[in-house]
PDB file of N, CA and C in Angstrom:
ATOM      1  N   MET A   1     -11.720  -3.915  85.602  1.00  0.00           N
ATOM      2  CA  MET A   1     -11.619  -2.535  85.208  1.00  0.00           C
ATOM      3  C   MET A   1     -13.005  -1.954  84.945  1.00  0.00           C
ATOM      4  N   ALA A   2     -13.840  -2.721  84.264  1.00  0.00           N
ATOM      5  CA  ALA A   2     -15.189  -2.249  83.959  1.00  0.00           C
ATOM      6  C   ALA A   2     -16.033  -2.166  85.221  1.00  0.00           C
ATOM      7  N   ALA A   3     -15.757  -3.029  86.212  1.00  0.00           N
ATOM      8  CA  ALA A   3     -16.541  -3.007  87.450  1.00  0.00           C
ATOM      9  C   ALA A   3     -16.261  -1.747  88.257  1.00  0.00           C
ATOM     10  N   THR A   4     -15.017  -1.287  88.272  1.00  0.00           N
ATOM     11  CA  THR A   4     -14.696  -0.070  89.020  1.00  0.00           C
ATOM     12  C   THR A   4     -15.229   1.169  88.319  1.00  0.00           C
ATOM     13  N   LYS A   5     -15.273   1.139  87.006  1.00  0.00           N
ATOM     14  CA  LYS A   5     -15.789   2.289  86.268  1.00  0.00           C
ATOM     15  C   LYS A   5     -17.297   2.431  86.456  1.00  0.00           C
ATOM     16  N   ALA A   6     -17.987   1.331  86.604  1.00  0.00           N
ATOM     17  CA  ALA A   6     -19.432   1.370  86.777  1.00  0.00           C
ATOM     18  C   ALA A   6     -19.814   1.924  88.153  1.00  0.00           C
ATOM     19  N   LYS A   7     -18.952   1.820  89.149  1.00  0.00           N
ATOM     20  CA  LYS A   7     -19.255   2.289  90.497  1.00  0.00           C
ATOM     21  C   LYS A   7     -19.121   3.807  90.632  1.00  0.00           C
ATOM     22  N   ARG A   8     -18.402   4.454  89.734  1.00  0.00           N
ATOM     23  CA  ARG A   8     -18.209   5.905  89.828  1.00  0.00           C
ATOM     24  C   ARG A   8     -19.501   6.624  89.467  1.00  0.00           C
ATOM     25  N   PRO A   9     -19.840   7.682  90.205  1.00  0.00           N
ATOM     26  CA  PRO A   9     -21.024   8.453  89.822  1.00  0.00           C
ATOM     27  C   PRO A   9     -20.775   9.182  88.502  1.00  0.00           C
ATOM     28  N   ASN A  10     -21.867   9.643  87.881  1.00  0.00           N
ATOM     29  CA  ASN A  10     -21.695  10.271  86.576  1.00  0.00           C
ATOM     30  C   ASN A  10     -20.958  11.615  86.698  1.00  0.00           C
ATOM     31  N   LEU A  11     -20.638  12.177  85.573  1.00  0.00           N
ATOM     32  CA  LEU A  11     -19.822  13.386  85.520  1.00  0.00           C
ATOM     33  C   LEU A  11     -20.493  14.556  86.235  1.00  0.00           C
ATOM     34  N   PHE A  12     -21.782  14.733  86.042  1.00  0.00           N
ATOM     35  CA  PHE A  12     -22.473  15.875  86.635  1.00  0.00           C
ATOM     36  C   PHE A  12     -22.542  15.760  88.154  1.00  0.00           C
ATOM     37  N   ARG A  13     -22.680  14.566  88.677  1.00  0.00           N
ATOM     38  CA  ARG A  13     -22.691  14.355  90.126  1.00  0.00           C
ATOM     39  C   ARG A  13     -21.317  14.696  90.706  1.00  0.00           C
ATOM     40  N   ARG A  14     -20.264  14.252  90.022  1.00  0.00           N
ATOM     41  CA  ARG A  14     -18.905  14.555  90.500  1.00  0.00           C
ATOM     42  C   ARG A  14     -18.613  16.045  90.431  1.00  0.00           C
ATOM     43  N   LEU A  15     -19.044  16.707  89.348  1.00  0.00           N
ATOM     44  CA  LEU A  15     -18.834  18.151  89.256  1.00  0.00           C
ATOM     45  C   LEU A  15     -19.608  18.891  90.333  1.00  0.00           C
ATOM     46  N   GLY A  16     -20.828  18.462  90.580  1.00  0.00           N
ATOM     47  CA  GLY A  16     -21.621  19.077  91.639  1.00  0.00           C
ATOM     48  C   GLY A  16     -20.972  18.919  92.995  1.00  0.00           C
ATOM     49  N   ASP A  17     -20.461  17.738  93.297  1.00  0.00           N
ATOM     50  CA  ASP A  17     -19.757  17.511  94.562  1.00  0.00           C
ATOM     51  C   ASP A  17     -18.505  18.369  94.661  1.00  0.00           C
ATOM     52  N   PHE A  18     -17.786  18.489  93.543  1.00  0.00           N
ATOM     53  CA  PHE A  18     -16.580  19.312  93.535  1.00  0.00           C
ATOM     54  C   PHE A  18     -16.908  20.761  93.871  1.00  0.00           C
ATOM     55  N   PHE A  19     -17.929  21.319  93.233  1.00  0.00           N
ATOM     56  CA  PHE A  19     -18.272  22.713  93.487  1.00  0.00           C
ATOM     57  C   PHE A  19     -18.833  22.917  94.886  1.00  0.00           C
ATOM     58  N   LYS A  20     -19.579  21.948  95.419  1.00  0.00           N
ATOM     59  CA  LYS A  20     -20.073  22.059  96.794  1.00  0.00           C
ATOM     60  C   LYS A  20     -18.914  22.092  97.783  1.00  0.00           C
ATOM     61  N   LYS A  21     -17.948  21.204  97.587  1.00  0.00           N
ATOM     62  CA  LYS A  21     -16.789  21.161  98.480  1.00  0.00           C
ATOM     63  C   LYS A  21     -15.934  22.417  98.335  1.00  0.00           C
ATOM     64  N   SER A  22     -15.792  22.894  97.106  1.00  0.00           N
ATOM     65  CA  SER A  22     -15.009  24.113  96.890  1.00  0.00           C
ATOM     66  C   SER A  22     -15.669  25.301  97.569  1.00  0.00           C
ATOM     67  N   TRP A  23     -16.989  25.397  97.459  1.00  0.00           N
ATOM     68  CA  TRP A  23     -17.715  26.512  98.069  1.00  0.00           C
ATOM     69  C   TRP A  23     -17.609  26.453  99.593  1.00  0.00           C
ATOM     70  N   SER A  24     -17.685  25.255 100.168  1.00  0.00           N
ATOM     71  CA  SER A  24     -17.572  25.143 101.621  1.00  0.00           C
ATOM     72  C   SER A  24     -16.162  25.507 102.083  1.00  0.00           C
ATOM     73  N   GLU A  25     -15.151  25.205 101.291  1.00  0.00           N
ATOM     74  CA  GLU A  25     -13.790  25.596 101.656  1.00  0.00           C
ATOM     75  C   GLU A  25     -13.604  27.105 101.538  1.00  0.00           C
ATOM     76  N   LEU A  26     -14.217  27.720 100.525  1.00  0.00           N
ATOM     77  CA  LEU A  26     -14.099  29.170 100.378  1.00  0.00           C
ATOM     78  C   LEU A  26     -14.778  29.914 101.524  1.00  0.00           C
ATOM     79  N   LYS A  27     -15.784  29.323 102.127  1.00  0.00           N
ATOM     80  CA  LYS A  27     -16.432  29.949 103.278  1.00  0.00           C
ATOM     81  C   LYS A  27     -15.501  29.993 104.490  1.00  0.00           C
ATOM     82  N   LYS A  28     -14.538  29.093 104.555  1.00  0.00           N
ATOM     83  CA  LYS A  28     -13.610  29.016 105.677  1.00  0.00           C
ATOM     84  C   LYS A  28     -12.456  30.014 105.563  1.00  0.00           C
ATOM     85  N   VAL A  29     -12.274  30.596 104.387  1.00  0.00           N
ATOM     86  CA  VAL A  29     -11.141  31.491 104.146  1.00  0.00           C
ATOM     87  C   VAL A  29     -11.353  32.802 104.883  1.00  0.00           C
ATOM     88  N   THR A  30     -10.297  33.310 105.491  1.00  0.00           N
ATOM     89  CA  THR A  30     -10.328  34.622 106.115  1.00  0.00           C
ATOM     90  C   THR A  30      -9.815  35.622 105.086  1.00  0.00           C
ATOM     91  N   TRP A  31     -10.724  36.418 104.539  1.00  0.00           N
ATOM     92  CA  TRP A  31     -10.368  37.355 103.494  1.00  0.00           C
ATOM     93  C   TRP A  31      -9.826  38.637 104.115  1.00  0.00           C
ATOM     94  N   PRO A  32      -8.795  39.258 103.506  1.00  0.00           N
ATOM     95  CA  PRO A  32      -8.250  40.506 104.064  1.00  0.00           C
ATOM     96  C   PRO A  32      -9.204  41.670 103.826  1.00  0.00           C
ATOM     97  N   ASN A  33      -9.096  42.670 104.715  1.00  0.00           N
ATOM     98  CA  ASN A  33      -9.930  43.852 104.518  1.00  0.00           C
ATOM     99  C   ASN A  33      -9.264  44.786 103.511  1.00  0.00           C
ATOM    100  N   PHE A  34      -9.981  45.845 103.149  1.00  0.00           N
ATOM    101  CA  PHE A  34      -9.517  46.733 102.079  1.00  0.00           C
ATOM    102  C   PHE A  34      -8.216  47.438 102.453  1.00  0.00           C
ATOM    103  N   LYS A  35      -8.072  47.805 103.719  1.00  0.00           N
ATOM    104  CA  LYS A  35      -6.852  48.489 104.171  1.00  0.00           C
ATOM    105  C   LYS A  35      -5.623  47.590 104.011  1.00  0.00           C
ATOM    106  N   THR A  36      -5.772  46.332 104.344  1.00  0.00           N
ATOM    107  CA  THR A  36      -4.662  45.384 104.204  1.00  0.00           C
ATOM    108  C   THR A  36      -4.301  45.172 102.739  1.00  0.00           C
ATOM    109  N   VAL A  37      -5.317  45.090 101.892  1.00  0.00           N
ATOM    110  CA  VAL A  37      -5.069  44.907 100.455  1.00  0.00           C
ATOM    111  C   VAL A  37      -4.320  46.111  99.893  1.00  0.00           C
ATOM    112  N   LEU A  38      -4.734  47.315 100.276  1.00  0.00           N
ATOM    113  CA  LEU A  38      -4.042  48.517  99.798  1.00  0.00           C
ATOM    114  C   LEU A  38      -2.597  48.569 100.288  1.00  0.00           C
ATOM    115  N   LYS A  39      -2.386  48.210 101.540  1.00  0.00           N
ATOM    116  CA  LYS A  39      -1.028  48.218 102.097  1.00  0.00           C
ATOM    117  C   LYS A  39      -0.131  47.220 101.362  1.00  0.00           C
ATOM    118  N   ASN A  40      -0.637  46.012 101.142  1.00  0.00           N
ATOM    119  CA  ASN A  40       0.164  44.993 100.460  1.00  0.00           C
ATOM    120  C   ASN A  40       0.407  45.359  98.996  1.00  0.00           C
ATOM    121  N   THR A  41      -0.584  45.979  98.360  1.00  0.00           N
ATOM    122  CA  THR A  41      -0.400  46.416  96.974  1.00  0.00           C
ATOM    123  C   THR A  41       0.675  47.493  96.894  1.00  0.00           C
ATOM    124  N   GLY A  42       0.672  48.417  97.842  1.00  0.00           N
ATOM    125  CA  GLY A  42       1.702  49.455  97.883  1.00  0.00           C
ATOM    126  C   GLY A  42       3.092  48.876  98.072  1.00  0.00           C
ATOM    127  N   ILE A  43       3.202  47.871  98.938  1.00  0.00           N
ATOM    128  CA  ILE A  43       4.504  47.235  99.167  1.00  0.00           C
ATOM    129  C   ILE A  43       4.988  46.551  97.889  1.00  0.00           C
ATOM    130  N   VAL A  44       4.099  45.853  97.209  1.00  0.00           N
ATOM    131  CA  VAL A  44       4.472  45.168  95.964  1.00  0.00           C
ATOM    132  C   VAL A  44       4.914  46.179  94.915  1.00  0.00           C
ATOM    133  N   LEU A  45       4.184  47.286  94.776  1.00  0.00           N
ATOM    134  CA  LEU A  45       4.562  48.297  93.788  1.00  0.00           C
ATOM    135  C   LEU A  45       5.912  48.933  94.115  1.00  0.00           C
ATOM    136  N   LEU A  46       6.178  49.177  95.395  1.00  0.00           N
ATOM    137  CA  LEU A  46       7.480  49.738  95.773  1.00  0.00           C
ATOM    138  C   LEU A  46       8.624  48.762  95.484  1.00  0.00           C
ATOM    139  N   VAL A  47       8.420  47.489  95.759  1.00  0.00           N
ATOM    140  CA  VAL A  47       9.465  46.489  95.487  1.00  0.00           C
ATOM    141  C   VAL A  47       9.713  46.382  93.985  1.00  0.00           C
ATOM    142  N   VAL A  48       8.644  46.390  93.193  1.00  0.00           N
ATOM    143  CA  VAL A  48       8.798  46.326  91.738  1.00  0.00           C
ATOM    144  C   VAL A  48       9.530  47.563  91.230  1.00  0.00           C
ATOM    145  N   LEU A  49       9.180  48.733  91.744  1.00  0.00           N
ATOM    146  CA  LEU A  49       9.856  49.970  91.350  1.00  0.00           C
ATOM    147  C   LEU A  49      11.333  49.935  91.729  1.00  0.00           C
ATOM    148  N   PHE A  50      11.633  49.450  92.929  1.00  0.00           N
ATOM    149  CA  PHE A  50      13.014  49.359  93.395  1.00  0.00           C
ATOM    150  C   PHE A  50      13.853  48.470  92.474  1.00  0.00           C
ATOM    151  N   PHE A  51      13.336  47.277  92.172  1.00  0.00           N
ATOM    152  CA  PHE A  51      14.100  46.372  91.325  1.00  0.00           C
ATOM    153  C   PHE A  51      14.152  46.852  89.877  1.00  0.00           C
ATOM    154  N   SER A  52      13.154  47.578  89.432  1.00  0.00           N
ATOM    155  CA  SER A  52      13.204  48.159  88.090  1.00  0.00           C
ATOM    156  C   SER A  52      14.331  49.182  87.995  1.00  0.00           C
ATOM    157  N   VAL A  53      14.479  50.004  89.031  1.00  0.00           N
ATOM    158  CA  VAL A  53      15.567  50.992  89.047  1.00  0.00           C
ATOM    159  C   VAL A  53      16.919  50.290  89.083  1.00  0.00           C
ATOM    160  N   ILE A  54      17.037  49.229  89.868  1.00  0.00           N
ATOM    161  CA  ILE A  54      18.296  48.478  89.944  1.00  0.00           C
ATOM    162  C   ILE A  54      18.645  47.881  88.573  1.00  0.00           C
ATOM    163  N   ILE A  55      17.673  47.259  87.918  1.00  0.00           N
ATOM    164  CA  ILE A  55      17.932  46.638  86.615  1.00  0.00           C
ATOM    165  C   ILE A  55      18.229  47.692  85.562  1.00  0.00           C
ATOM    166  N   LEU A  56      17.484  48.789  85.575  1.00  0.00           N
ATOM    167  CA  LEU A  56      17.735  49.868  84.617  1.00  0.00           C
ATOM    168  C   LEU A  56      19.127  50.466  84.818  1.00  0.00           C
ATOM    169  N   GLY A  57      19.514  50.673  86.072  1.00  0.00           N
ATOM    170  CA  GLY A  57      20.841  51.219  86.360  1.00  0.00           C
ATOM    171  C   GLY A  57      21.958  50.285  85.933  1.00  0.00           C
ATOM    172  N   SER A  58      21.797  48.997  86.213  1.00  0.00           N
ATOM    173  CA  SER A  58      22.843  48.054  85.816  1.00  0.00           C
ATOM    174  C   SER A  58      22.901  47.923  84.289  1.00  0.00           C
ATOM    175  N   ASP A  59      21.774  47.987  83.619  1.00  0.00           N
ATOM    176  CA  ASP A  59      21.756  47.936  82.160  1.00  0.00           C
ATOM    177  C   ASP A  59      22.480  49.149  81.574  1.00  0.00           C
ATOM    178  N   TYR A  60      22.201  50.312  82.123  1.00  0.00           N
ATOM    179  CA  TYR A  60      22.880  51.524  81.657  1.00  0.00           C
ATOM    180  C   TYR A  60      24.379  51.446  81.917  1.00  0.00           C
ATOM    181  N   LEU A  61      24.756  50.967  83.107  1.00  0.00           N
ATOM    182  CA  LEU A  61      26.177  50.853  83.456  1.00  0.00           C
ATOM    183  C   LEU A  61      26.897  49.889  82.514  1.00  0.00           C
ATOM    184  N   PHE A  62      26.321  48.716  82.268  1.00  0.00           N
ATOM    185  CA  PHE A  62      26.974  47.738  81.402  1.00  0.00           C
ATOM    186  C   PHE A  62      27.034  48.207  79.952  1.00  0.00           C
ATOM    187  N   SER A  63      26.013  48.894  79.484  1.00  0.00           N
ATOM    188  CA  SER A  63      26.068  49.405  78.111  1.00  0.00           C
ATOM    189  C   SER A  63      27.121  50.504  77.995  1.00  0.00           C
ATOM    190  N   TRP A  64      27.279  51.325  79.035  1.00  0.00           N
ATOM    191  CA  TRP A  64      28.318  52.355  79.020  1.00  0.00           C
ATOM    192  C   TRP A  64      29.706  51.711  79.041  1.00  0.00           C
ATOM    193  N   LEU A  65      29.888  50.669  79.865  1.00  0.00           N
ATOM    194  CA  LEU A  65      31.185  49.984  79.917  1.00  0.00           C
ATOM    195  C   LEU A  65      31.500  49.302  78.577  1.00  0.00           C
ATOM    196  N   LEU A  66      30.496  48.711  77.951  1.00  0.00           N
ATOM    197  CA  LEU A  66      30.730  48.086  76.650  1.00  0.00           C
ATOM    198  C   LEU A  66      31.059  49.118  75.575  1.00  0.00           C
ATOM    199  N   SER A  67      30.462  50.295  75.670  1.00  0.00           N
ATOM    200  CA  SER A  67      30.773  51.335  74.678  1.00  0.00           C
ATOM    201  C   SER A  67      32.207  51.833  74.852  1.00  0.00           C
ATOM    202  N   LEU A  68      32.768  51.736  76.049  1.00  0.00           N
ATOM    203  CA  LEU A  68      34.161  52.155  76.262  1.00  0.00           C
ATOM    204  C   LEU A  68      35.143  51.171  75.644  1.00  0.00           C
ATOM    205  N   ILE A  69      34.810  49.878  75.674  1.00  0.00           N
ATOM    206  CA  ILE A  69      35.784  48.897  75.186  1.00  0.00           C
ATOM    207  C   ILE A  69      35.535  48.491  73.745  1.00  0.00           C
ATOM    208  N   SER A  70      34.380  48.780  73.194  1.00  0.00           N
ATOM    209  CA  SER A  70      34.118  48.389  71.813  1.00  0.00           C
ATOM    210  C   SER A  70      34.541  49.499  70.875  1.00  0.00           C
ATOM    211  N   PRO A  71      35.069  49.132  69.693  1.00  0.00           N
ATOM    212  CA  PRO A  71      35.474  50.168  68.742  1.00  0.00           C
ATOM    213  C   PRO A  71      34.244  50.857  68.149  1.00  0.00           C
ATOM    214  N   LYS A  72      34.413  52.129  67.894  1.00  0.00           N
ATOM    215  CA  LYS A  72      33.298  52.901  67.318  1.00  0.00           C
ATOM    216  C   LYS A  72      33.231  52.642  65.819  1.00  0.00           C
ATOM    217  N   ALA A  73      32.009  52.484  65.340  1.00  0.00           N
ATOM    218  CA  ALA A  73      31.832  52.175  63.913  1.00  0.00           C
ATOM    219  C   ALA A  73      31.826  53.428  63.082  1.00  0.00           C
TER     220      ALA A  73
END
């Protein structure tokens, strides 16, 4: 166990290797342009708005139905 631990490079060498590899992988990424980001953001906001309206409507409907069957205090 001690022999395998001695073969590992120190913490700073491992961190340096990690960041070098991470940076080289980030260079390979194809980043979207601004137009694509705006389009996707708009789609996400519309979907969130749509489901918010659905949840709000169902909440209102169920509270109205419960008020019909529950006795008034």
